[in-house]
C-alpha atoms as a PDB file:
ATOM      1  CA  MET A   1     119.173 135.292  95.324  1.00  0.00           C
ATOM      2  CA  ARG A   2     115.659 136.303  96.396  1.00  0.00           C
ATOM      3  CA  ILE A   3     116.986 138.071  99.517  1.00  0.00           C
ATOM      4  CA  ILE A   4     119.528 139.992  97.425  1.00  0.00           C
ATOM      5  CA  CYS A   5     116.792 141.121  95.002  1.00  0.00           C
ATOM      6  CA  PHE A   6     114.591 142.166  97.916  1.00  0.00           C
ATOM      7  CA  ARG A   7     117.451 144.219  99.422  1.00  0.00           C
ATOM      8  CA  ILE A   8     118.183 145.860  96.063  1.00  0.00           C
ATOM      9  CA  ILE A   9     114.526 146.849  95.786  1.00  0.00           C
ATOM     10  CA  LYS A  10     114.657 148.313  99.326  1.00  0.00           C
ATOM     11  CA  ILE A  11     117.715 150.376  98.364  1.00  0.00           C
ATOM     12  CA  LEU A  12     115.977 151.611  95.224  1.00  0.00           C
ATOM     13  CA  ILE A  13     112.935 152.590  97.284  1.00  0.00           C
ATOM     14  CA  LEU A  14     115.119 154.560  99.676  1.00  0.00           C
ATOM     15  CA  LEU A  15     116.655 156.326  96.697  1.00  0.00           C
ATOM     16  CA  HIS A  16     113.154 157.058  95.439  1.00  0.00           C
ATOM     17  CA  LYS A  17     112.028 158.258  98.878  1.00  0.00           C
ATOM     18  CA  TYR A  18     114.771 160.838  99.076  1.00  0.00           C
ATOM     19  CA  SER A  19     114.483 161.701  95.364  1.00  0.00           C
ATOM     20  CA  ILE A  20     118.036 160.607  94.682  1.00  0.00           C
ATOM     21  CA  CYS A  21     118.545 160.185  90.976  1.00  0.00           C
ATOM     22  CA  ILE A  22     120.520 157.453  89.289  1.00  0.00           C
ATOM     23  CA  GLU A  23     122.111 158.903  86.154  1.00  0.00           C
ATOM     24  CA  GLY A  24     119.458 161.613  86.001  1.00  0.00           C
ATOM     25  CA  THR A  25     116.408 159.336  86.344  1.00  0.00           C
ATOM     26  CA  LYS A  26     114.255 158.602  89.368  1.00  0.00           C
ATOM     27  CA  VAL A  27     113.445 155.073  90.456  1.00  0.00           C
ATOM     28  CA  PRO A  28     110.459 153.868  88.419  1.00  0.00           C
ATOM     29  CA  SER A  29     107.200 153.645  90.331  1.00  0.00           C
ATOM     30  CA  PHE A  30     106.719 150.008  89.272  1.00  0.00           C
ATOM     31  CA  ILE A  31     109.646 149.073  91.535  1.00  0.00           C
ATOM     32  CA  VAL A  32     107.863 150.714  94.457  1.00  0.00           C
ATOM     33  CA  ASP A  33     104.688 148.813  93.426  1.00  0.00           C
ATOM     34  CA  VAL A  34     106.591 145.496  93.466  1.00  0.00           C
ATOM     35  CA  PHE A  35     107.851 146.218  96.977  1.00  0.00           C
ATOM     36  CA  VAL A  36     104.351 147.123  98.227  1.00  0.00           C
ATOM     37  CA  LYS A  37     102.875 143.982  96.638  1.00  0.00           C
ATOM     38  CA  ASN A  38     105.535 141.821  98.295  1.00  0.00           C
ATOM     39  CA  ALA A  39     104.911 143.472 101.679  1.00  0.00           C
ATOM     40  CA  LYS A  40     101.143 143.038 101.257  1.00  0.00           C
ATOM     41  CA  GLU A  41     101.525 139.314 100.503  1.00  0.00           C
ATOM     42  CA  LYS A  42     103.742 138.760 103.559  1.00  0.00           C
ATOM     43  CA  ILE A  43     101.358 140.712 105.798  1.00  0.00           C
ATOM     44  CA  GLU A  44      98.411 138.691 104.474  1.00  0.00           C
ATOM     45  CA  GLN A  45     100.223 135.412 105.170  1.00  0.00           C
ATOM     46  CA  GLN A  46     100.997 136.534 108.726  1.00  0.00           C
ATOM     47  CA  VAL A  47      97.408 137.626 109.391  1.00  0.00           C
ATOM     48  CA  LEU A  48      96.153 134.251 108.160  1.00  0.00           C
ATOM     49  CA  LEU A  49      98.575 132.535 110.574  1.00  0.00           C
ATOM     50  CA  LEU A  50      97.360 134.734 113.454  1.00  0.00           C
ATOM     51  CA  LEU A  51      93.731 133.968 112.589  1.00  0.00           C
ATOM     52  CA  GLU A  52      94.333 130.232 112.970  1.00  0.00           C
ATOM     53  CA  GLU A  53      93.944 130.874 116.723  1.00  0.00           C
ATOM     54  CA  HIS A  54      90.532 132.494 116.065  1.00  0.00           C
ATOM     55  CA  SER A  55      88.493 130.015 113.996  1.00  0.00           C
ATOM     56  CA  ASP A  56      85.434 132.287 114.015  1.00  0.00           C
ATOM     57  CA  LEU A  57      87.363 135.197 112.381  1.00  0.00           C
ATOM     58  CA  PHE A  58      88.415 135.514 108.757  1.00  0.00           C
ATOM     59  CA  LEU A  59      90.383 137.936 106.614  1.00  0.00           C
ATOM     60  CA  ILE A  60      88.526 140.144 104.153  1.00  0.00           C
ATOM     61  CA  ASP A  61      91.339 142.303 102.817  1.00  0.00           C
ATOM     62  CA  VAL A  62      94.787 143.768 103.395  1.00  0.00           C
ATOM     63  CA  VAL A  63      95.183 147.283 102.037  1.00  0.00           C
ATOM     64  CA  VAL A  64      98.610 148.919 101.806  1.00  0.00           C
ATOM     65  CA  LYS A  65      98.416 152.487 100.590  1.00  0.00           C
ATOM     66  CA  GLY A  66     100.456 155.658 100.639  1.00  0.00           C
ATOM     67  CA  ASN A  67     104.002 156.542  99.707  1.00  0.00           C
ATOM     68  CA  THR A  68     107.231 155.312 101.209  1.00  0.00           C
ATOM     69  CA  GLY A  69     107.530 156.931 104.624  1.00  0.00           C
ATOM     70  CA  THR A  70     103.785 157.550 105.007  1.00  0.00           C
ATOM     71  CA  VAL A  71     102.308 154.096 104.506  1.00  0.00           C
ATOM     72  CA  LYS A  72      98.956 153.012 105.924  1.00  0.00           C
ATOM     73  CA  VAL A  73      98.282 149.299 106.391  1.00  0.00           C
ATOM     74  CA  VAL A  74      94.624 148.389 106.894  1.00  0.00           C
ATOM     75  CA  ILE A  75      93.590 144.873 107.890  1.00  0.00           C
ATOM     76  CA  ILE A  76      89.865 144.224 107.401  1.00  0.00           C
ATOM     77  CA  LEU A  77      88.456 141.286 109.359  1.00  0.00           C
ATOM     78  CA  ASP A  78      85.047 139.726 109.752  1.00  0.00           C
ATOM     79  CA  GLY A  79      83.696 136.981 111.964  1.00  0.00           C
ATOM     80  CA  ASP A  80      80.844 134.537 112.124  1.00  0.00           C
ATOM     81  CA  GLU A  81      79.673 136.302 115.281  1.00  0.00           C
ATOM     82  CA  GLY A  82      81.174 139.694 114.450  1.00  0.00           C
ATOM     83  CA  VAL A  83      84.572 141.086 115.414  1.00  0.00           C
ATOM     84  CA  GLY A  84      85.175 142.465 118.882  1.00  0.00           C
ATOM     85  CA  ILE A  85      87.533 145.287 119.794  1.00  0.00           C
ATOM     86  CA  ASP A  86      89.617 142.799 121.800  1.00  0.00           C
ATOM     87  CA  ASN A  87      90.139 140.739 118.637  1.00  0.00           C
ATOM     88  CA  CYS A  88      91.297 143.813 116.707  1.00  0.00           C
ATOM     89  CA  VAL A  89      93.677 144.857 119.504  1.00  0.00           C
ATOM     90  CA  SER A  90      95.160 141.363 119.790  1.00  0.00           C
ATOM     91  CA  ILE A  91      95.749 140.976 116.045  1.00  0.00           C
ATOM     92  CA  SER A  92      97.115 144.542 115.840  1.00  0.00           C
ATOM     93  CA  ARG A  93      99.670 143.957 118.610  1.00  0.00           C
ATOM     94  CA  GLN A  94     100.855 140.660 117.177  1.00  0.00           C
ATOM     95  CA  LEU A  95     101.037 142.012 113.643  1.00  0.00           C
ATOM     96  CA  SER A  96     102.841 145.164 114.769  1.00  0.00           C
ATOM     97  CA  GLY A  97     105.568 143.020 116.314  1.00  0.00           C
ATOM     98  CA  PHE A  98     105.852 141.046 113.090  1.00  0.00           C
ATOM     99  CA  LEU A  99     106.132 144.217 110.972  1.00  0.00           C
ATOM    100  CA  GLU A 100     108.885 145.603 113.198  1.00  0.00           C
ATOM    101  CA  GLU A 101     110.777 142.310 113.233  1.00  0.00           C
ATOM    102  CA  GLU A 102     110.575 141.764 109.480  1.00  0.00           C
ATOM    103  CA  ASP A 103     111.127 145.452 108.617  1.00  0.00           C
ATOM    104  CA  LEU A 104     108.670 145.144 105.720  1.00  0.00           C
ATOM    105  CA  ILE A 105     107.761 148.804 105.566  1.00  0.00           C
ATOM    106  CA  GLU A 106     110.382 151.490 105.222  1.00  0.00           C
ATOM    107  CA  GLY A 107     109.908 154.524 107.459  1.00  0.00           C
ATOM    108  CA  LYS A 108     106.772 155.490 109.336  1.00  0.00           C
ATOM    109  CA  TYR A 109     103.551 153.592 108.910  1.00  0.00           C
ATOM    110  CA  THR A 110     100.118 153.357 110.445  1.00  0.00           C
ATOM    111  CA  LEU A 111      98.550 149.987 111.213  1.00  0.00           C
ATOM    112  CA  GLU A 112      94.777 149.734 111.458  1.00  0.00           C
ATOM    113  CA  VAL A 113      92.956 146.488 112.217  1.00  0.00           C
ATOM    114  CA  THR A 114      89.230 146.886 111.747  1.00  0.00           C
ATOM    115  CA  SER A 115      86.050 144.928 111.263  1.00  0.00           C
ATOM    116  CA  ALA A 116      84.189 144.931 107.985  1.00  0.00           C
ATOM    117  CA  GLY A 117      81.397 147.379 108.773  1.00  0.00           C
ATOM    118  CA  VAL A 118      78.200 147.861 106.811  1.00  0.00           C
ATOM    119  CA  GLU A 119      80.007 150.232 104.449  1.00  0.00           C
ATOM    120  CA  HIS A 120      82.156 147.337 103.198  1.00  0.00           C
ATOM    121  CA  PRO A 121      80.481 145.195 100.533  1.00  0.00           C
ATOM    122  CA  LEU A 122      80.170 141.456 101.132  1.00  0.00           C
ATOM    123  CA  GLN A 123      83.018 139.645  99.396  1.00  0.00           C
ATOM    124  CA  LEU A 124      83.143 136.077 100.659  1.00  0.00           C
ATOM    125  CA  PRO A 125      80.450 133.369 100.765  1.00  0.00           C
ATOM    126  CA  ARG A 126      81.071 133.140 104.517  1.00  0.00           C
ATOM    127  CA  GLN A 127      79.935 136.776 104.858  1.00  0.00           C
ATOM    128  CA  TYR A 128      76.760 136.059 102.918  1.00  0.00           C
ATOM    129  CA  THR A 129      75.989 133.072 105.142  1.00  0.00           C
ATOM    130  CA  LYS A 130      76.313 135.102 108.344  1.00  0.00           C
ATOM    131  CA  ASN A 131      73.888 137.700 106.925  1.00  0.00           C
ATOM    132  CA  ILE A 132      71.039 135.334 106.022  1.00  0.00           C
ATOM    133  CA  GLY A 133      67.770 136.964 107.088  1.00  0.00           C
ATOM    134  CA  ARG A 134      69.075 140.517 106.679  1.00  0.00           C
ATOM    135  CA  ASN A 135      68.076 142.952 103.948  1.00  0.00           C
ATOM    136  CA  VAL A 136      70.683 143.496 101.251  1.00  0.00           C
ATOM    137  CA  ARG A 137      71.173 145.530  98.102  1.00  0.00           C
ATOM    138  CA  VAL A 138      72.769 143.642  95.212  1.00  0.00           C
ATOM    139  CA  VAL A 139      74.190 145.264  92.095  1.00  0.00           C
ATOM    140  CA  ALA A 140      74.432 142.699  89.300  1.00  0.00           C
ATOM    141  CA  GLY A 141      76.958 142.661  86.474  1.00  0.00           C
ATOM    142  CA  ASP A 142      74.449 144.276  84.102  1.00  0.00           C
ATOM    143  CA  GLN A 143      73.997 147.065  86.717  1.00  0.00           C
ATOM    144  CA  SER A 144      70.482 145.940  87.642  1.00  0.00           C
ATOM    145  CA  ILE A 145      69.725 146.411  91.343  1.00  0.00           C
ATOM    146  CA  PHE A 146      67.924 143.977  93.638  1.00  0.00           C
ATOM    147  CA  GLU A 147      66.863 144.742  97.202  1.00  0.00           C
ATOM    148  CA  GLY A 148      65.406 142.127  99.489  1.00  0.00           C
ATOM    149  CA  LYS A 149      65.957 139.680 102.311  1.00  0.00           C
ATOM    150  CA  LEU A 150      68.870 137.306 101.898  1.00  0.00           C
ATOM    151  CA  ALA A 151      66.994 133.997 102.090  1.00  0.00           C
ATOM    152  CA  SER A 152      69.737 131.443 101.406  1.00  0.00           C
ATOM    153  CA  VAL A 153      73.297 130.941 100.235  1.00  0.00           C
ATOM    154  CA  SER A 154      74.797 128.012  98.355  1.00  0.00           C
ATOM    155  CA  ASP A 155      78.284 127.396  96.967  1.00  0.00           C
ATOM    156  CA  ASP A 156      77.551 129.242  93.734  1.00  0.00           C
ATOM    157  CA  GLN A 157      74.545 131.543  94.315  1.00  0.00           C
ATOM    158  CA  ILE A 158      72.341 133.485  96.699  1.00  0.00           C
ATOM    159  CA  THR A 159      68.561 133.618  96.915  1.00  0.00           C
ATOM    160  CA  LEU A 160      66.784 136.877  97.706  1.00  0.00           C
ATOM    161  CA  GLU A 161      63.209 137.247  98.864  1.00  0.00           C
ATOM    162  CA  ILE A 162      61.944 140.390  97.159  1.00  0.00           C
ATOM    163  CA  ILE A 163      58.659 142.067  98.122  1.00  0.00           C
ATOM    164  CA  LYS A 164      56.458 142.494  95.040  1.00  0.00           C
ATOM    165  CA  ASP A 165      53.325 143.856  96.762  1.00  0.00           C
ATOM    166  CA  LYS A 166      53.695 145.169 100.303  1.00  0.00           C
ATOM    167  CA  LYS A 167      49.963 145.377 101.052  1.00  0.00           C
ATOM    168  CA  LYS A 168      49.195 141.843  99.866  1.00  0.00           C
ATOM    169  CA  LYS A 169      52.524 140.579 101.267  1.00  0.00           C
ATOM    170  CA  ILE A 170      53.448 138.989  97.956  1.00  0.00           C
ATOM    171  CA  THR A 171      57.134 138.054  97.617  1.00  0.00           C
ATOM    172  CA  GLU A 172      59.260 136.592  94.862  1.00  0.00           C
ATOM    173  CA  GLN A 173      62.386 134.452  95.130  1.00  0.00           C
ATOM    174  CA  VAL A 174      65.278 135.634  92.937  1.00  0.00           C
ATOM    175  CA  GLU A 175      68.395 133.513  92.515  1.00  0.00           C
ATOM    176  CA  LEU A 176      71.641 135.307  91.680  1.00  0.00           C
ATOM    177  CA  PRO A 177      74.855 133.404  90.887  1.00  0.00           C
ATOM    178  CA  PHE A 178      77.979 134.822  92.572  1.00  0.00           C
ATOM    179  CA  SER A 179      79.515 135.163  89.098  1.00  0.00           C
ATOM    180  CA  GLU A 180      76.841 137.752  88.198  1.00  0.00           C
ATOM    181  CA  ILE A 181      77.159 139.846  91.378  1.00  0.00           C
ATOM    182  CA  ASP A 182      79.249 143.015  91.266  1.00  0.00           C
ATOM    183  CA  LYS A 183      78.505 144.284  94.756  1.00  0.00           C
ATOM    184  CA  THR A 184      76.344 143.400  97.762  1.00  0.00           C
ATOM    185  CA  ASN A 185      75.797 145.649 100.774  1.00  0.00           C
ATOM    186  CA  VAL A 186      73.819 144.921 103.927  1.00  0.00           C
ATOM    187  CA  LEU A 187      71.041 147.482 104.375  1.00  0.00           C
ATOM    188  CA  VAL A 188      70.737 149.034 107.812  1.00  0.00           C
ATOM    189  CA  SER A 189      67.256 149.747 109.105  1.00  0.00           C
ATOM    190  CA  PHE A 190      66.649 152.335 111.814  1.00  0.00           C
ATOM    191  CA  LYS A 191      63.016 151.365 112.541  1.00  0.00           C
END
């Protein structure tokens, strides 16, 4: 039954792609959204399987964007010791084979496997842990901003060391629960 529903959705997406109308109406966009969500979930599951061979790497996000026929799939990875180009190439090749075999994406698509660079906010506790000792900028839920050195990470919070007086080298420890953090970015210093 599930396979039949999936095939019906694929047919409806093809109709939508070529703007073929059914009784004067186009295929609703929510059907396309369901197909993309299903593809994203299957891609995520496959990436997680591929990462089992690389215990130091972990998945940050799978982004599927674009319209049918011009889809871009972006896999964002991170690692305890960073992500090398060889890792990205290996995962990309294996995932590309999977996408072709499963025919998850109709028409042309672009596959990009990338590391979570400094422009990507920290999302997982594992990312916070690997960045202990680095300067970060945290935006809290109430939109207050904290900048300081990431001193420690626990299961439910982070501790920042914030400089209060640079000349006297006075610092303050600020604890922020993960539940109160909207966004955290690593600050890059070019000193």
